[in-house]
């Protein structure tokens, strides 16, 4: 069965996010003062061929841990869709 998987990778909350900080400042420069603390990450979608949802998630977990995210600086969340 084919599953669509969504991975959201974000900088750890304890770390400075320079891109997010720049966007937050730019919001104020264009008179949008109601948006604060912008955090910018990565959004990845992919298709996985697997026998079930658990196998699909395990495959993507392996990809995240070995390739897609940096555990020192980032966290990730996986969502499996059918």
PDB file of N, CA and C in Angstrom:
ATOM      1  N   UNK A   1       0.840  -1.174   0.000  1.00  0.00           N
ATOM      2  CA  UNK A   1       0.000   0.000   0.000  1.00  0.00           C
ATOM      3  C   UNK A   1       0.888   1.241   0.000  1.00  0.00           C
ATOM      4  N   UNK A   2       0.428   2.292  -0.637  1.00  0.00           N
ATOM      5  CA  UNK A   2       1.189   3.535  -0.697  1.00  0.00           C
ATOM      6  C   UNK A   2       0.614   4.532   0.308  1.00  0.00           C
ATOM      7  N   UNK A   3       1.507   5.138   1.087  1.00  0.00           N
ATOM      8  CA  UNK A   3       1.123   6.133   2.081  1.00  0.00           C
ATOM      9  C   UNK A   3       1.787   7.456   1.745  1.00  0.00           C
ATOM     10  N   UNK A   4       1.049   8.535   1.938  1.00  0.00           N
ATOM     11  CA  UNK A   4       1.662   9.850   1.848  1.00  0.00           C
ATOM     12  C   UNK A   4       2.077  10.236   3.262  1.00  0.00           C
ATOM     13  N   UNK A   5       3.303  10.713   3.388  1.00  0.00           N
ATOM     14  CA  UNK A   5       3.835  11.066   4.703  1.00  0.00           C
ATOM     15  C   UNK A   5       4.269  12.528   4.682  1.00  0.00           C
ATOM     16  N   UNK A   6       3.946  13.215   5.763  1.00  0.00           N
ATOM     17  CA  UNK A   6       4.330  14.616   5.928  1.00  0.00           C
ATOM     18  C   UNK A   6       5.306  14.692   7.097  1.00  0.00           C
ATOM     19  N   UNK A   7       6.414  15.373   6.867  1.00  0.00           N
ATOM     20  CA  UNK A   7       7.415  15.572   7.911  1.00  0.00           C
ATOM     21  C   UNK A   7       7.576  17.072   8.120  1.00  0.00           C
ATOM     22  N   UNK A   8       7.417  17.523   9.353  1.00  0.00           N
ATOM     23  CA  UNK A   8       7.676  18.920   9.701  1.00  0.00           C
ATOM     24  C   UNK A   8       8.900  18.948  10.594  1.00  0.00           C
ATOM     25  N   UNK A   9       9.927  19.664  10.156  1.00  0.00           N
ATOM     26  CA  UNK A   9      11.180  19.778  10.891  1.00  0.00           C
ATOM     27  C   UNK A   9      11.325  21.233  11.330  1.00  0.00           C
ATOM     28  N   UNK A  10      11.532  21.423  12.631  1.00  0.00           N
ATOM     29  CA  UNK A  10      11.627  22.776  13.177  1.00  0.00           C
ATOM     30  C   UNK A  10      12.883  22.912  14.035  1.00  0.00           C
ATOM     31  N   UNK A  11      13.410  24.137  14.124  1.00  0.00           N
ATOM     32  CA  UNK A  11      14.531  24.362  15.030  1.00  0.00           C
ATOM     33  C   UNK A  11      14.060  24.139  16.473  1.00  0.00           C
ATOM     34  N   UNK A  12      14.940  23.630  17.306  1.00  0.00           N
ATOM     35  CA  UNK A  12      14.596  23.446  18.719  1.00  0.00           C
ATOM     36  C   UNK A  12      14.221  24.791  19.335  1.00  0.00           C
ATOM     37  N   UNK A  13      13.245  24.773  20.224  1.00  0.00           N
ATOM     38  CA  UNK A  13      12.752  26.015  20.835  1.00  0.00           C
ATOM     39  C   UNK A  13      13.848  26.758  21.600  1.00  0.00           C
ATOM     40  N   UNK A  14      14.797  26.018  22.156  1.00  0.00           N
ATOM     41  CA  UNK A  14      15.867  26.638  22.946  1.00  0.00           C
ATOM     42  C   UNK A  14      16.902  27.355  22.084  1.00  0.00           C
ATOM     43  N   UNK A  15      16.888  27.122  20.773  1.00  0.00           N
ATOM     44  CA  UNK A  15      17.894  27.713  19.893  1.00  0.00           C
ATOM     45  C   UNK A  15      17.354  28.938  19.161  1.00  0.00           C
ATOM     46  N   UNK A  16      18.249  29.858  18.881  1.00  0.00           N
ATOM     47  CA  UNK A  16      17.912  31.027  18.095  1.00  0.00           C
ATOM     48  C   UNK A  16      17.582  30.599  16.666  1.00  0.00           C
ATOM     49  N   UNK A  17      16.564  31.197  16.093  1.00  0.00           N
ATOM     50  CA  UNK A  17      16.179  30.939  14.709  1.00  0.00           C
ATOM     51  C   UNK A  17      16.416  32.228  13.912  1.00  0.00           C
ATOM     52  N   UNK A  18      17.600  32.387  13.300  1.00  0.00           N
ATOM     53  CA  UNK A  18      17.916  33.635  12.609  1.00  0.00           C
ATOM     54  C   UNK A  18      16.930  33.991  11.498  1.00  0.00           C
ATOM     55  N   UNK A  19      16.474  32.995  10.738  1.00  0.00           N
ATOM     56  CA  UNK A  19      15.492  33.269   9.674  1.00  0.00           C
ATOM     57  C   UNK A  19      14.192  33.778  10.272  1.00  0.00           C
ATOM     58  N   UNK A  20      13.738  33.111  11.313  1.00  0.00           N
ATOM     59  CA  UNK A  20      12.508  33.532  11.976  1.00  0.00           C
ATOM     60  C   UNK A  20      12.625  34.917  12.570  1.00  0.00           C
ATOM     61  N   UNK A  21      13.773  35.209  13.150  1.00  0.00           N
ATOM     62  CA  UNK A  21      14.021  36.526  13.738  1.00  0.00           C
ATOM     63  C   UNK A  21      13.957  37.612  12.656  1.00  0.00           C
ATOM     64  N   UNK A  22      14.556  37.333  11.493  1.00  0.00           N
ATOM     65  CA  UNK A  22      14.538  38.293  10.384  1.00  0.00           C
ATOM     66  C   UNK A  22      13.116  38.545   9.897  1.00  0.00           C
ATOM     67  N   UNK A  23      12.329  37.472   9.790  1.00  0.00           N
ATOM     68  CA  UNK A  23      10.939  37.624   9.340  1.00  0.00           C
ATOM     69  C   UNK A  23      10.128  38.389  10.380  1.00  0.00           C
ATOM     70  N   UNK A  24      10.355  38.102  11.663  1.00  0.00           N
ATOM     71  CA  UNK A  24       9.651  38.825  12.721  1.00  0.00           C
ATOM     72  C   UNK A  24       9.932  40.321  12.615  1.00  0.00           C
ATOM     73  N   UNK A  25      11.198  40.683  12.407  1.00  0.00           N
ATOM     74  CA  UNK A  25      11.563  42.097  12.266  1.00  0.00           C
ATOM     75  C   UNK A  25      10.922  42.715  11.023  1.00  0.00           C
ATOM     76  N   UNK A  26      10.901  41.959   9.935  1.00  0.00           N
ATOM     77  CA  UNK A  26      10.303  42.463   8.697  1.00  0.00           C
ATOM     78  C   UNK A  26       8.810  42.703   8.852  1.00  0.00           C
ATOM     79  N   UNK A  27       8.141  41.880   9.640  1.00  0.00           N
ATOM     80  CA  UNK A  27       6.702  42.081   9.880  1.00  0.00           C
ATOM     81  C   UNK A  27       6.468  43.457  10.488  1.00  0.00           C
ATOM     82  N   UNK A  28       7.317  43.815  11.422  1.00  0.00           N
ATOM     83  CA  UNK A  28       7.171  45.116  12.074  1.00  0.00           C
ATOM     84  C   UNK A  28       7.460  46.248  11.083  1.00  0.00           C
ATOM     85  N   UNK A  29       8.405  46.012  10.155  1.00  0.00           N
ATOM     86  CA  UNK A  29       8.741  47.028   9.150  1.00  0.00           C
ATOM     87  C   UNK A  29       7.590  47.310   8.185  1.00  0.00           C
ATOM     88  N   UNK A  30       6.698  46.341   8.001  1.00  0.00           N
ATOM     89  CA  UNK A  30       5.546  46.564   7.112  1.00  0.00           C
ATOM     90  C   UNK A  30       4.258  46.776   7.914  1.00  0.00           C
ATOM     91  N   UNK A  31       4.445  47.219   9.152  1.00  0.00           N
ATOM     92  CA  UNK A  31       3.330  47.583  10.045  1.00  0.00           C
ATOM     93  C   UNK A  31       2.408  46.428  10.397  1.00  0.00           C
ATOM     94  N   UNK A  32       2.951  45.233  10.489  1.00  0.00           N
ATOM     95  CA  UNK A  32       2.186  44.105  11.030  1.00  0.00           C
ATOM     96  C   UNK A  32       2.789  43.824  12.399  1.00  0.00           C
ATOM     97  N   UNK A  33       2.170  44.391  13.410  1.00  0.00           N
ATOM     98  CA  UNK A  33       2.700  44.309  14.771  1.00  0.00           C
ATOM     99  C   UNK A  33       2.059  43.212  15.605  1.00  0.00           C
ATOM    100  N   UNK A  34       1.129  42.485  15.026  1.00  0.00           N
ATOM    101  CA  UNK A  34       0.420  41.454  15.782  1.00  0.00           C
ATOM    102  C   UNK A  34       1.041  40.071  15.612  1.00  0.00           C
ATOM    103  N   UNK A  35       2.087  39.953  14.805  1.00  0.00           N
ATOM    104  CA  UNK A  35       2.780  38.672  14.609  1.00  0.00           C
ATOM    105  C   UNK A  35       4.128  38.762  15.292  1.00  0.00           C
ATOM    106  N   UNK A  36       4.431  37.742  16.095  1.00  0.00           N
ATOM    107  CA  UNK A  36       5.684  37.739  16.850  1.00  0.00           C
ATOM    108  C   UNK A  36       6.223  36.318  16.929  1.00  0.00           C
ATOM    109  N   UNK A  37       7.492  36.188  17.217  1.00  0.00           N
ATOM    110  CA  UNK A  37       8.144  34.897  17.459  1.00  0.00           C
ATOM    111  C   UNK A  37       7.966  33.919  16.292  1.00  0.00           C
ATOM    112  N   UNK A  38       8.297  34.354  15.094  1.00  0.00           N
ATOM    113  CA  UNK A  38       8.218  33.504  13.904  1.00  0.00           C
ATOM    114  C   UNK A  38       9.326  32.451  13.974  1.00  0.00           C
ATOM    115  N   UNK A  39       8.994  31.201  13.685  1.00  0.00           N
ATOM    116  CA  UNK A  39       9.960  30.098  13.609  1.00  0.00           C
ATOM    117  C   UNK A  39       9.832  29.506  12.211  1.00  0.00           C
ATOM    118  N   UNK A  40      10.941  29.284  11.543  1.00  0.00           N
ATOM    119  CA  UNK A  40      10.920  28.769  10.179  1.00  0.00           C
ATOM    120  C   UNK A  40      11.608  27.416  10.144  1.00  0.00           C
ATOM    121  N   UNK A  41      10.933  26.453   9.525  1.00  0.00           N
ATOM    122  CA  UNK A  41      11.471  25.103   9.429  1.00  0.00           C
ATOM    123  C   UNK A  41      11.303  24.544   8.031  1.00  0.00           C
ATOM    124  N   UNK A  42      11.273  23.220   7.961  1.00  0.00           N
ATOM    125  CA  UNK A  42      11.139  22.524   6.676  1.00  0.00           C
ATOM    126  C   UNK A  42       9.865  21.676   6.698  1.00  0.00           C
ATOM    127  N   UNK A  43       9.185  21.631   5.573  1.00  0.00           N
ATOM    128  CA  UNK A  43       7.985  20.809   5.401  1.00  0.00           C
ATOM    129  C   UNK A  43       8.271  19.864   4.242  1.00  0.00           C
ATOM    130  N   UNK A  44       8.276  18.576   4.507  1.00  0.00           N
ATOM    131  CA  UNK A  44       8.617  17.580   3.491  1.00  0.00           C
ATOM    132  C   UNK A  44       7.433  16.641   3.312  1.00  0.00           C
ATOM    133  N   UNK A  45       7.057  16.368   2.066  1.00  0.00           N
ATOM    134  CA  UNK A  45       6.051  15.351   1.782  1.00  0.00           C
ATOM    135  C   UNK A  45       6.699  14.276   0.917  1.00  0.00           C
ATOM    136  N   UNK A  46       6.307  13.048   1.159  1.00  0.00           N
ATOM    137  CA  UNK A  46       6.831  11.948   0.359  1.00  0.00           C
ATOM    138  C   UNK A  46       5.851  10.793   0.356  1.00  0.00           C
ATOM    139  N   UNK A  47       6.004   9.917  -0.622  1.00  0.00           N
ATOM    140  CA  UNK A  47       5.188   8.709  -0.716  1.00  0.00           C
ATOM    141  C   UNK A  47       6.046   7.521  -0.308  1.00  0.00           C
ATOM    142  N   UNK A  48       5.441   6.631   0.476  1.00  0.00           N
ATOM    143  CA  UNK A  48       6.148   5.447   0.967  1.00  0.00           C
ATOM    144  C   UNK A  48       5.325   4.209   0.647  1.00  0.00           C
ATOM    145  N   UNK A  49       5.950   3.234   0.042  1.00  0.00           N
ATOM    146  CA  UNK A  49       5.319   1.942  -0.199  1.00  0.00           C
ATOM    147  C   UNK A  49       5.614   1.071   1.025  1.00  0.00           C
ATOM    148  N   UNK A  50       4.547   0.619   1.703  1.00  0.00           N
ATOM    149  CA  UNK A  50       4.705  -0.189   2.919  1.00  0.00           C
ATOM    150  C   UNK A  50       3.489  -1.076   3.101  1.00  0.00           C
ATOM    151  N   UNK A  51       3.661  -2.146   3.890  1.00  0.00           N
ATOM    152  CA  UNK A  51       2.541  -3.072   4.107  1.00  0.00           C
ATOM    153  C   UNK A  51       1.479  -2.490   5.032  1.00  0.00           C
ATOM    154  N   UNK A  52       1.907  -1.572   5.940  1.00  0.00           N
ATOM    155  CA  UNK A  52       0.945  -0.929   6.833  1.00  0.00           C
ATOM    156  C   UNK A  52       1.498   0.422   7.304  1.00  0.00           C
ATOM    157  N   UNK A  53       0.676   1.142   8.046  1.00  0.00           N
ATOM    158  CA  UNK A  53       1.038   2.477   8.506  1.00  0.00           C
ATOM    159  C   UNK A  53       2.269   2.448   9.415  1.00  0.00           C
ATOM    160  N   UNK A  54       2.374   1.431  10.272  1.00  0.00           N
ATOM    161  CA  UNK A  54       3.525   1.334  11.176  1.00  0.00           C
ATOM    162  C   UNK A  54       4.836   1.163  10.410  1.00  0.00           C
ATOM    163  N   UNK A  55       4.808   0.350   9.370  1.00  0.00           N
ATOM    164  CA  UNK A  55       6.017   0.161   8.560  1.00  0.00           C
ATOM    165  C   UNK A  55       6.382   1.451   7.827  1.00  0.00           C
ATOM    166  N   UNK A  56       5.384   2.152   7.321  1.00  0.00           N
ATOM    167  CA  UNK A  56       5.637   3.428   6.644  1.00  0.00           C
ATOM    168  C   UNK A  56       6.282   4.416   7.604  1.00  0.00           C
ATOM    169  N   UNK A  57       5.734   4.497   8.804  1.00  0.00           N
ATOM    170  CA  UNK A  57       6.289   5.433   9.800  1.00  0.00           C
ATOM    171  C   UNK A  57       7.706   5.032  10.194  1.00  0.00           C
ATOM    172  N   UNK A  58       7.966   3.750  10.362  1.00  0.00           N
ATOM    173  CA  UNK A  58       9.309   3.281  10.728  1.00  0.00           C
ATOM    174  C   UNK A  58      10.319   3.623   9.634  1.00  0.00           C
ATOM    175  N   UNK A  59       9.928   3.476   8.390  1.00  0.00           N
ATOM    176  CA  UNK A  59      10.815   3.809   7.277  1.00  0.00           C
ATOM    177  C   UNK A  59      11.155   5.295   7.283  1.00  0.00           C
ATOM    178  N   UNK A  60      10.152   6.125   7.509  1.00  0.00           N
ATOM    179  CA  UNK A  60      10.367   7.571   7.520  1.00  0.00           C
ATOM    180  C   UNK A  60      11.166   7.983   8.757  1.00  0.00           C
ATOM    181  N   UNK A  61      10.926   7.342   9.894  1.00  0.00           N
ATOM    182  CA  UNK A  61      11.735   7.605  11.101  1.00  0.00           C
ATOM    183  C   UNK A  61      13.212   7.386  10.795  1.00  0.00           C
ATOM    184  N   UNK A  62      13.511   6.283  10.122  1.00  0.00           N
ATOM    185  CA  UNK A  62      14.899   5.980   9.767  1.00  0.00           C
ATOM    186  C   UNK A  62      15.475   7.070   8.856  1.00  0.00           C
ATOM    187  N   UNK A  63      14.687   7.496   7.858  1.00  0.00           N
ATOM    188  CA  UNK A  63      15.139   8.552   6.953  1.00  0.00           C
ATOM    189  C   UNK A  63      15.407   9.853   7.714  1.00  0.00           C
ATOM    190  N   UNK A  64      14.532  10.176   8.653  1.00  0.00           N
ATOM    191  CA  UNK A  64      14.725  11.396   9.446  1.00  0.00           C
ATOM    192  C   UNK A  64      16.008  11.310  10.271  1.00  0.00           C
ATOM    193  N   UNK A  65      16.153  10.219  10.991  1.00  0.00           N
ATOM    194  CA  UNK A  65      17.295  10.076  11.904  1.00  0.00           C
ATOM    195  C   UNK A  65      18.627   9.992  11.177  1.00  0.00           C
ATOM    196  N   UNK A  66      18.629   9.401   9.980  1.00  0.00           N
ATOM    197  CA  UNK A  66      19.890   9.200   9.280  1.00  0.00           C
ATOM    198  C   UNK A  66      20.202  10.261   8.227  1.00  0.00           C
ATOM    199  N   UNK A  67      19.191  11.061   7.836  1.00  0.00           N
ATOM    200  CA  UNK A  67      19.424  11.973   6.720  1.00  0.00           C
ATOM    201  C   UNK A  67      18.753  13.343   6.835  1.00  0.00           C
ATOM    202  N   UNK A  68      17.502  13.385   7.235  1.00  0.00           N
ATOM    203  CA  UNK A  68      16.702  14.589   7.035  1.00  0.00           C
ATOM    204  C   UNK A  68      16.788  15.652   8.124  1.00  0.00           C
ATOM    205  N   UNK A  69      17.123  15.261   9.357  1.00  0.00           N
ATOM    206  CA  UNK A  69      17.150  16.280  10.402  1.00  0.00           C
ATOM    207  C   UNK A  69      18.425  16.177  11.226  1.00  0.00           C
ATOM    208  N   UNK A  70      18.758  17.284  11.883  1.00  0.00           N
ATOM    209  CA  UNK A  70      19.934  17.364  12.739  1.00  0.00           C
ATOM    210  C   UNK A  70      19.461  17.354  14.191  1.00  0.00           C
ATOM    211  N   UNK A  71      19.676  16.259  14.936  1.00  0.00           N
ATOM    212  CA  UNK A  71      19.144  16.158  16.292  1.00  0.00           C
ATOM    213  C   UNK A  71      19.708  17.191  17.269  1.00  0.00           C
ATOM    214  N   UNK A  72      20.826  17.781  16.941  1.00  0.00           N
ATOM    215  CA  UNK A  72      21.414  18.797  17.813  1.00  0.00           C
ATOM    216  C   UNK A  72      20.651  20.113  17.710  1.00  0.00           C
ATOM    217  N   UNK A  73      20.066  20.375  16.530  1.00  0.00           N
ATOM    218  CA  UNK A  73      19.436  21.670  16.285  1.00  0.00           C
ATOM    219  C   UNK A  73      17.950  21.617  15.969  1.00  0.00           C
ATOM    220  N   UNK A  74      17.418  20.424  15.667  1.00  0.00           N
ATOM    221  CA  UNK A  74      16.048  20.351  15.156  1.00  0.00           C
ATOM    222  C   UNK A  74      15.244  19.238  15.829  1.00  0.00           C
ATOM    223  N   UNK A  75      13.938  19.385  15.738  1.00  0.00           N
ATOM    224  CA  UNK A  75      13.008  18.302  16.103  1.00  0.00           C
ATOM    225  C   UNK A  75      12.128  18.042  14.884  1.00  0.00           C
ATOM    226  N   UNK A  76      11.454  16.903  14.873  1.00  0.00           N
ATOM    227  CA  UNK A  76      10.589  16.610  13.741  1.00  0.00           C
ATOM    228  C   UNK A  76       9.315  15.931  14.208  1.00  0.00           C
ATOM    229  N   UNK A  77       8.295  16.037  13.337  1.00  0.00           N
ATOM    230  CA  UNK A  77       7.007  15.385  13.576  1.00  0.00           C
ATOM    231  C   UNK A  77       6.575  14.737  12.281  1.00  0.00           C
ATOM    232  N   UNK A  78       6.115  13.494  12.386  1.00  0.00           N
ATOM    233  CA  UNK A  78       5.700  12.730  11.215  1.00  0.00           C
ATOM    234  C   UNK A  78       4.189  12.522  11.246  1.00  0.00           C
ATOM    235  N   UNK A  79       3.535  12.744  10.104  1.00  0.00           N
ATOM    236  CA  UNK A  79       2.115  12.457   9.952  1.00  0.00           C
ATOM    237  C   UNK A  79       1.955  11.535   8.757  1.00  0.00           C
ATOM    238  N   UNK A  80       1.329  10.381   8.977  1.00  0.00           N
ATOM    239  CA  UNK A  80       1.106   9.417   7.913  1.00  0.00           C
ATOM    240  C   UNK A  80      -0.344   9.517   7.452  1.00  0.00           C
ATOM    241  N   UNK A  81      -0.531   9.728   6.151  1.00  0.00           N
ATOM    242  CA  UNK A  81      -1.868   9.779   5.553  1.00  0.00           C
ATOM    243  C   UNK A  81      -2.057   8.573   4.666  1.00  0.00           C
ATOM    244  N   UNK A  82      -3.284   8.181   4.431  1.00  0.00           N
ATOM    245  CA  UNK A  82      -3.568   7.057   3.532  1.00  0.00           C
ATOM    246  C   UNK A  82      -3.881   7.555   2.148  1.00  0.00           C
TER     247      UNK A  82
END
